[in-house]
């Protein structure tokens, strides 16, 4: 799992590793509005984030 922090001080725990989340962000980076969608940890819910607003991605140890 990974923790994603955004510029508006929100924090999301997602099911993928930080490396996998970063790969997803790179994949959508070429779009006009780079929206990345990741599954929240422990929930059956997706979170949709503008990749420009992501400040950090850290592995949850």
PDB file of N, CA and C in Angstrom:
ATOM      1  N   UNK A   1       0.837  -1.183   0.000  1.00  0.00           N
ATOM      2  CA  UNK A   1       0.000   0.000   0.000  1.00  0.00           C
ATOM      3  C   UNK A   1       0.882   1.247   0.000  1.00  0.00           C
ATOM      4  N   UNK A   2       0.287   2.356  -0.436  1.00  0.00           N
ATOM      5  CA  UNK A   2       1.014   3.616  -0.497  1.00  0.00           C
ATOM      6  C   UNK A   2       0.145   4.745   0.046  1.00  0.00           C
ATOM      7  N   UNK A   3       0.808   5.781   0.501  1.00  0.00           N
ATOM      8  CA  UNK A   3       0.147   7.006   0.959  1.00  0.00           C
ATOM      9  C   UNK A   3       0.417   8.087  -0.082  1.00  0.00           C
ATOM     10  N   UNK A   4      -0.651   8.716  -0.561  1.00  0.00           N
ATOM     11  CA  UNK A   4      -0.533   9.825  -1.514  1.00  0.00           C
ATOM     12  C   UNK A   4      -0.969  11.094  -0.807  1.00  0.00           C
ATOM     13  N   UNK A   5      -0.117  12.109  -0.840  1.00  0.00           N
ATOM     14  CA  UNK A   5      -0.437  13.408  -0.244  1.00  0.00           C
ATOM     15  C   UNK A   5      -0.609  14.423  -1.369  1.00  0.00           C
ATOM     16  N   UNK A   6      -1.628  15.282  -1.235  1.00  0.00           N
ATOM     17  CA  UNK A   6      -1.915  16.268  -2.275  1.00  0.00           C
ATOM     18  C   UNK A   6      -1.632  17.682  -1.776  1.00  0.00           C
ATOM     19  N   UNK A   7      -1.598  18.623  -2.702  1.00  0.00           N
ATOM     20  CA  UNK A   7      -1.259  20.013  -2.379  1.00  0.00           C
ATOM     21  C   UNK A   7      -2.270  20.665  -1.444  1.00  0.00           C
ATOM     22  N   UNK A   8      -3.486  20.135  -1.367  1.00  0.00           N
ATOM     23  CA  UNK A   8      -4.479  20.708  -0.450  1.00  0.00           C
ATOM     24  C   UNK A   8      -4.513  19.963   0.893  1.00  0.00           C
ATOM     25  N   UNK A   9      -3.395  19.313   1.237  1.00  0.00           N
ATOM     26  CA  UNK A   9      -3.168  18.650   2.530  1.00  0.00           C
ATOM     27  C   UNK A   9      -3.996  17.390   2.753  1.00  0.00           C
ATOM     28  N   UNK A  10      -4.600  16.842   1.690  1.00  0.00           N
ATOM     29  CA  UNK A  10      -5.333  15.584   1.854  1.00  0.00           C
ATOM     30  C   UNK A  10      -4.370  14.412   1.762  1.00  0.00           C
ATOM     31  N   UNK A  11      -4.770  13.297   2.355  1.00  0.00           N
ATOM     32  CA  UNK A  11      -3.945  12.092   2.358  1.00  0.00           C
ATOM     33  C   UNK A  11      -4.838  10.918   1.997  1.00  0.00           C
ATOM     34  N   UNK A  12      -4.366  10.082   1.053  1.00  0.00           N
ATOM     35  CA  UNK A  12      -5.118   8.921   0.604  1.00  0.00           C
ATOM     36  C   UNK A  12      -4.249   7.687   0.757  1.00  0.00           C
ATOM     37  N   UNK A  13      -4.804   6.618   1.318  1.00  0.00           N
ATOM     38  CA  UNK A  13      -4.108   5.345   1.381  1.00  0.00           C
ATOM     39  C   UNK A  13      -4.672   4.485   0.262  1.00  0.00           C
ATOM     40  N   UNK A  14      -3.802   4.068  -0.648  1.00  0.00           N
ATOM     41  CA  UNK A  14      -4.237   3.294  -1.807  1.00  0.00           C
ATOM     42  C   UNK A  14      -3.624   1.901  -1.766  1.00  0.00           C
ATOM     43  N   UNK A  15      -4.241   0.972  -2.498  1.00  0.00           N
ATOM     44  CA  UNK A  15      -3.846  -0.439  -2.441  1.00  0.00           C
ATOM     45  C   UNK A  15      -2.531  -0.756  -3.139  1.00  0.00           C
ATOM     46  N   UNK A  16      -2.118   0.046  -4.090  1.00  0.00           N
ATOM     47  CA  UNK A  16      -0.904  -0.263  -4.846  1.00  0.00           C
ATOM     48  C   UNK A  16       0.331   0.272  -4.131  1.00  0.00           C
ATOM     49  N   UNK A  17       1.499  -0.195  -4.552  1.00  0.00           N
ATOM     50  CA  UNK A  17       2.758   0.309  -3.999  1.00  0.00           C
ATOM     51  C   UNK A  17       3.023   1.715  -4.537  1.00  0.00           C
ATOM     52  N   UNK A  18       3.949   2.412  -3.906  1.00  0.00           N
ATOM     53  CA  UNK A  18       4.314   3.755  -4.371  1.00  0.00           C
ATOM     54  C   UNK A  18       4.855   3.691  -5.796  1.00  0.00           C
ATOM     55  N   UNK A  19       5.629   2.653  -6.094  1.00  0.00           N
ATOM     56  CA  UNK A  19       6.190   2.516  -7.445  1.00  0.00           C
ATOM     57  C   UNK A  19       5.079   2.339  -8.479  1.00  0.00           C
ATOM     58  N   UNK A  20       4.101   1.489  -8.178  1.00  0.00           N
ATOM     59  CA  UNK A  20       2.997   1.253  -9.107  1.00  0.00           C
ATOM     60  C   UNK A  20       2.154   2.524  -9.273  1.00  0.00           C
ATOM     61  N   UNK A  21       1.906   3.247  -8.189  1.00  0.00           N
ATOM     62  CA  UNK A  21       1.154   4.502  -8.272  1.00  0.00           C
ATOM     63  C   UNK A  21       1.897   5.498  -9.150  1.00  0.00           C
ATOM     64  N   UNK A  22       3.218   5.578  -8.982  1.00  0.00           N
ATOM     65  CA  UNK A  22       4.027   6.480  -9.798  1.00  0.00           C
ATOM     66  C   UNK A  22       3.960   6.088 -11.268  1.00  0.00           C
ATOM     67  N   UNK A  23       3.965   4.786 -11.561  1.00  0.00           N
ATOM     68  CA  UNK A  23       3.842   4.321 -12.941  1.00  0.00           C
ATOM     69  C   UNK A  23       2.503   4.739 -13.539  1.00  0.00           C
ATOM     70  N   UNK A  24       1.435   4.668 -12.758  1.00  0.00           N
ATOM     71  CA  UNK A  24       0.117   5.087 -13.239  1.00  0.00           C
ATOM     72  C   UNK A  24       0.100   6.581 -13.545  1.00  0.00           C
ATOM     73  N   UNK A  25       0.765   7.368 -12.709  1.00  0.00           N
ATOM     74  CA  UNK A  25       0.797   8.820 -12.915  1.00  0.00           C
ATOM     75  C   UNK A  25       1.588   9.161 -14.171  1.00  0.00           C
ATOM     76  N   UNK A  26       2.703   8.482 -14.386  1.00  0.00           N
ATOM     77  CA  UNK A  26       3.490   8.693 -15.604  1.00  0.00           C
ATOM     78  C   UNK A  26       2.660   8.329 -16.827  1.00  0.00           C
ATOM     79  N   UNK A  27       1.877   7.262 -16.716  1.00  0.00           N
ATOM     80  CA  UNK A  27       1.043   6.792 -17.831  1.00  0.00           C
ATOM     81  C   UNK A  27       0.028   7.855 -18.249  1.00  0.00           C
ATOM     82  N   UNK A  28      -0.558   8.575 -17.291  1.00  0.00           N
ATOM     83  CA  UNK A  28      -1.583   9.571 -17.628  1.00  0.00           C
ATOM     84  C   UNK A  28      -0.994  10.966 -17.808  1.00  0.00           C
ATOM     85  N   UNK A  29       0.312  11.122 -17.553  1.00  0.00           N
ATOM     86  CA  UNK A  29       0.946  12.437 -17.552  1.00  0.00           C
ATOM     87  C   UNK A  29       0.869  13.210 -18.845  1.00  0.00           C
ATOM     88  N   UNK A  30       0.724  12.540 -19.979  1.00  0.00           N
ATOM     89  CA  UNK A  30       0.700  13.226 -21.259  1.00  0.00           C
ATOM     90  C   UNK A  30      -0.641  13.825 -21.632  1.00  0.00           C
ATOM     91  N   UNK A  31      -1.639  13.601 -20.825  1.00  0.00           N
ATOM     92  CA  UNK A  31      -2.977  14.125 -21.141  1.00  0.00           C
ATOM     93  C   UNK A  31      -3.109  15.578 -20.722  1.00  0.00           C
ATOM     94  N   UNK A  32      -4.100  16.265 -21.278  1.00  0.00           N
ATOM     95  CA  UNK A  32      -4.331  17.674 -20.950  1.00  0.00           C
ATOM     96  C   UNK A  32      -4.596  17.851 -19.453  1.00  0.00           C
ATOM     97  N   UNK A  33      -5.460  17.010 -18.894  1.00  0.00           N
ATOM     98  CA  UNK A  33      -5.702  17.000 -17.451  1.00  0.00           C
ATOM     99  C   UNK A  33      -5.379  15.584 -16.977  1.00  0.00           C
ATOM    100  N   UNK A  34      -4.222  15.391 -16.352  1.00  0.00           N
ATOM    101  CA  UNK A  34      -3.792  14.041 -15.977  1.00  0.00           C
ATOM    102  C   UNK A  34      -4.519  13.522 -14.733  1.00  0.00           C
ATOM    103  N   UNK A  35      -5.610  12.821 -14.937  1.00  0.00           N
ATOM    104  CA  UNK A  35      -6.387  12.251 -13.841  1.00  0.00           C
ATOM    105  C   UNK A  35      -5.971  10.803 -13.642  1.00  0.00           C
ATOM    106  N   UNK A  36      -5.548  10.469 -12.442  1.00  0.00           N
ATOM    107  CA  UNK A  36      -5.172   9.102 -12.113  1.00  0.00           C
ATOM    108  C   UNK A  36      -6.253   8.533 -11.189  1.00  0.00           C
ATOM    109  N   UNK A  37      -6.632   7.291 -11.430  1.00  0.00           N
ATOM    110  CA  UNK A  37      -7.637   6.655 -10.576  1.00  0.00           C
ATOM    111  C   UNK A  37      -7.005   5.448  -9.895  1.00  0.00           C
ATOM    112  N   UNK A  38      -7.114   5.409  -8.578  1.00  0.00           N
ATOM    113  CA  UNK A  38      -6.519   4.347  -7.771  1.00  0.00           C
ATOM    114  C   UNK A  38      -7.537   3.867  -6.745  1.00  0.00           C
ATOM    115  N   UNK A  39      -7.452   2.585  -6.388  1.00  0.00           N
ATOM    116  CA  UNK A  39      -8.375   1.994  -5.424  1.00  0.00           C
ATOM    117  C   UNK A  39      -7.906   2.306  -4.016  1.00  0.00           C
ATOM    118  N   UNK A  40      -8.823   2.802  -3.187  1.00  0.00           N
ATOM    119  CA  UNK A  40      -8.499   3.089  -1.796  1.00  0.00           C
ATOM    120  C   UNK A  40      -8.265   1.793  -1.036  1.00  0.00           C
ATOM    121  N   UNK A  41      -7.321   1.798  -0.136  1.00  0.00           N
ATOM    122  CA  UNK A  41      -6.983   0.611   0.646  1.00  0.00           C
ATOM    123  C   UNK A  41      -8.131   0.241   1.573  1.00  0.00           C
ATOM    124  N   UNK A  42      -8.482  -1.037   1.562  1.00  0.00           N
ATOM    125  CA  UNK A  42      -9.504  -1.546   2.461  1.00  0.00           C
ATOM    126  C   UNK A  42     -10.929  -1.136   2.114  1.00  0.00           C
ATOM    127  N   UNK A  43     -11.121  -0.485   0.983  1.00  0.00           N
ATOM    128  CA  UNK A  43     -12.451  -0.031   0.577  1.00  0.00           C
ATOM    129  C   UNK A  43     -12.711  -0.454  -0.861  1.00  0.00           C
ATOM    130  N   UNK A  44     -13.966  -0.502  -1.218  1.00  0.00           N
ATOM    131  CA  UNK A  44     -14.337  -0.816  -2.593  1.00  0.00           C
ATOM    132  C   UNK A  44     -14.660   0.487  -3.317  1.00  0.00           C
ATOM    133  N   UNK A  45     -13.750   1.447  -3.197  1.00  0.00           N
ATOM    134  CA  UNK A  45     -13.946   2.785  -3.731  1.00  0.00           C
ATOM    135  C   UNK A  45     -12.698   3.224  -4.478  1.00  0.00           C
ATOM    136  N   UNK A  46     -12.909   3.928  -5.576  1.00  0.00           N
ATOM    137  CA  UNK A  46     -11.793   4.488  -6.331  1.00  0.00           C
ATOM    138  C   UNK A  46     -11.665   5.973  -5.987  1.00  0.00           C
ATOM    139  N   UNK A  47     -10.436   6.484  -6.050  1.00  0.00           N
ATOM    140  CA  UNK A  47     -10.197   7.908  -5.875  1.00  0.00           C
ATOM    141  C   UNK A  47      -9.626   8.425  -7.193  1.00  0.00           C
ATOM    142  N   UNK A  48     -10.128   9.557  -7.643  1.00  0.00           N
ATOM    143  CA  UNK A  48      -9.678  10.172  -8.885  1.00  0.00           C
ATOM    144  C   UNK A  48      -8.940  11.458  -8.523  1.00  0.00           C
ATOM    145  N   UNK A  49      -7.653  11.520  -8.847  1.00  0.00           N
ATOM    146  CA  UNK A  49      -6.819  12.658  -8.463  1.00  0.00           C
ATOM    147  C   UNK A  49      -6.195  13.306  -9.690  1.00  0.00           C
ATOM    148  N   UNK A  50      -6.141  14.623  -9.677  1.00  0.00           N
ATOM    149  CA  UNK A  50      -5.391  15.343 -10.699  1.00  0.00           C
ATOM    150  C   UNK A  50      -3.918  15.174 -10.344  1.00  0.00           C
ATOM    151  N   UNK A  51      -3.143  14.561 -11.230  1.00  0.00           N
ATOM    152  CA  UNK A  51      -1.740  14.262 -10.945  1.00  0.00           C
ATOM    153  C   UNK A  51      -0.926  15.517 -10.645  1.00  0.00           C
ATOM    154  N   UNK A  52      -1.343  16.677 -11.131  1.00  0.00           N
ATOM    155  CA  UNK A  52      -0.627  17.921 -10.844  1.00  0.00           C
ATOM    156  C   UNK A  52      -0.723  18.294  -9.367  1.00  0.00           C
ATOM    157  N   UNK A  53      -1.724  17.794  -8.660  1.00  0.00           N
ATOM    158  CA  UNK A  53      -1.935  18.144  -7.251  1.00  0.00           C
ATOM    159  C   UNK A  53      -1.234  17.198  -6.291  1.00  0.00           C
ATOM    160  N   UNK A  54      -0.598  16.146  -6.807  1.00  0.00           N
ATOM    161  CA  UNK A  54       0.081  15.179  -5.940  1.00  0.00           C
ATOM    162  C   UNK A  54       1.435  15.735  -5.529  1.00  0.00           C
ATOM    163  N   UNK A  55       1.657  15.783  -4.215  1.00  0.00           N
ATOM    164  CA  UNK A  55       2.899  16.291  -3.665  1.00  0.00           C
ATOM    165  C   UNK A  55       3.892  15.156  -3.413  1.00  0.00           C
ATOM    166  N   UNK A  56       3.398  14.026  -2.859  1.00  0.00           N
ATOM    167  CA  UNK A  56       4.302  12.917  -2.584  1.00  0.00           C
ATOM    168  C   UNK A  56       3.557  11.596  -2.616  1.00  0.00           C
ATOM    169  N   UNK A  57       4.325  10.541  -2.877  1.00  0.00           N
ATOM    170  CA  UNK A  57       3.828   9.170  -2.826  1.00  0.00           C
ATOM    171  C   UNK A  57       4.837   8.376  -2.013  1.00  0.00           C
ATOM    172  N   UNK A  58       4.381   7.772  -0.925  1.00  0.00           N
ATOM    173  CA  UNK A  58       5.289   7.043  -0.030  1.00  0.00           C
ATOM    174  C   UNK A  58       4.721   5.656   0.212  1.00  0.00           C
ATOM    175  N   UNK A  59       5.610   4.666   0.316  1.00  0.00           N
ATOM    176  CA  UNK A  59       5.166   3.339   0.715  1.00  0.00           C
ATOM    177  C   UNK A  59       4.743   3.377   2.172  1.00  0.00           C
ATOM    178  N   UNK A  60       3.646   2.709   2.485  1.00  0.00           N
ATOM    179  CA  UNK A  60       3.130   2.626   3.842  1.00  0.00           C
ATOM    180  C   UNK A  60       3.781   1.431   4.526  1.00  0.00           C
ATOM    181  N   UNK A  61       4.733   1.705   5.404  1.00  0.00           N
ATOM    182  CA  UNK A  61       5.474   0.624   6.060  1.00  0.00           C
ATOM    183  C   UNK A  61       4.863   0.216   7.376  1.00  0.00           C
TER     184      UNK A  61
END
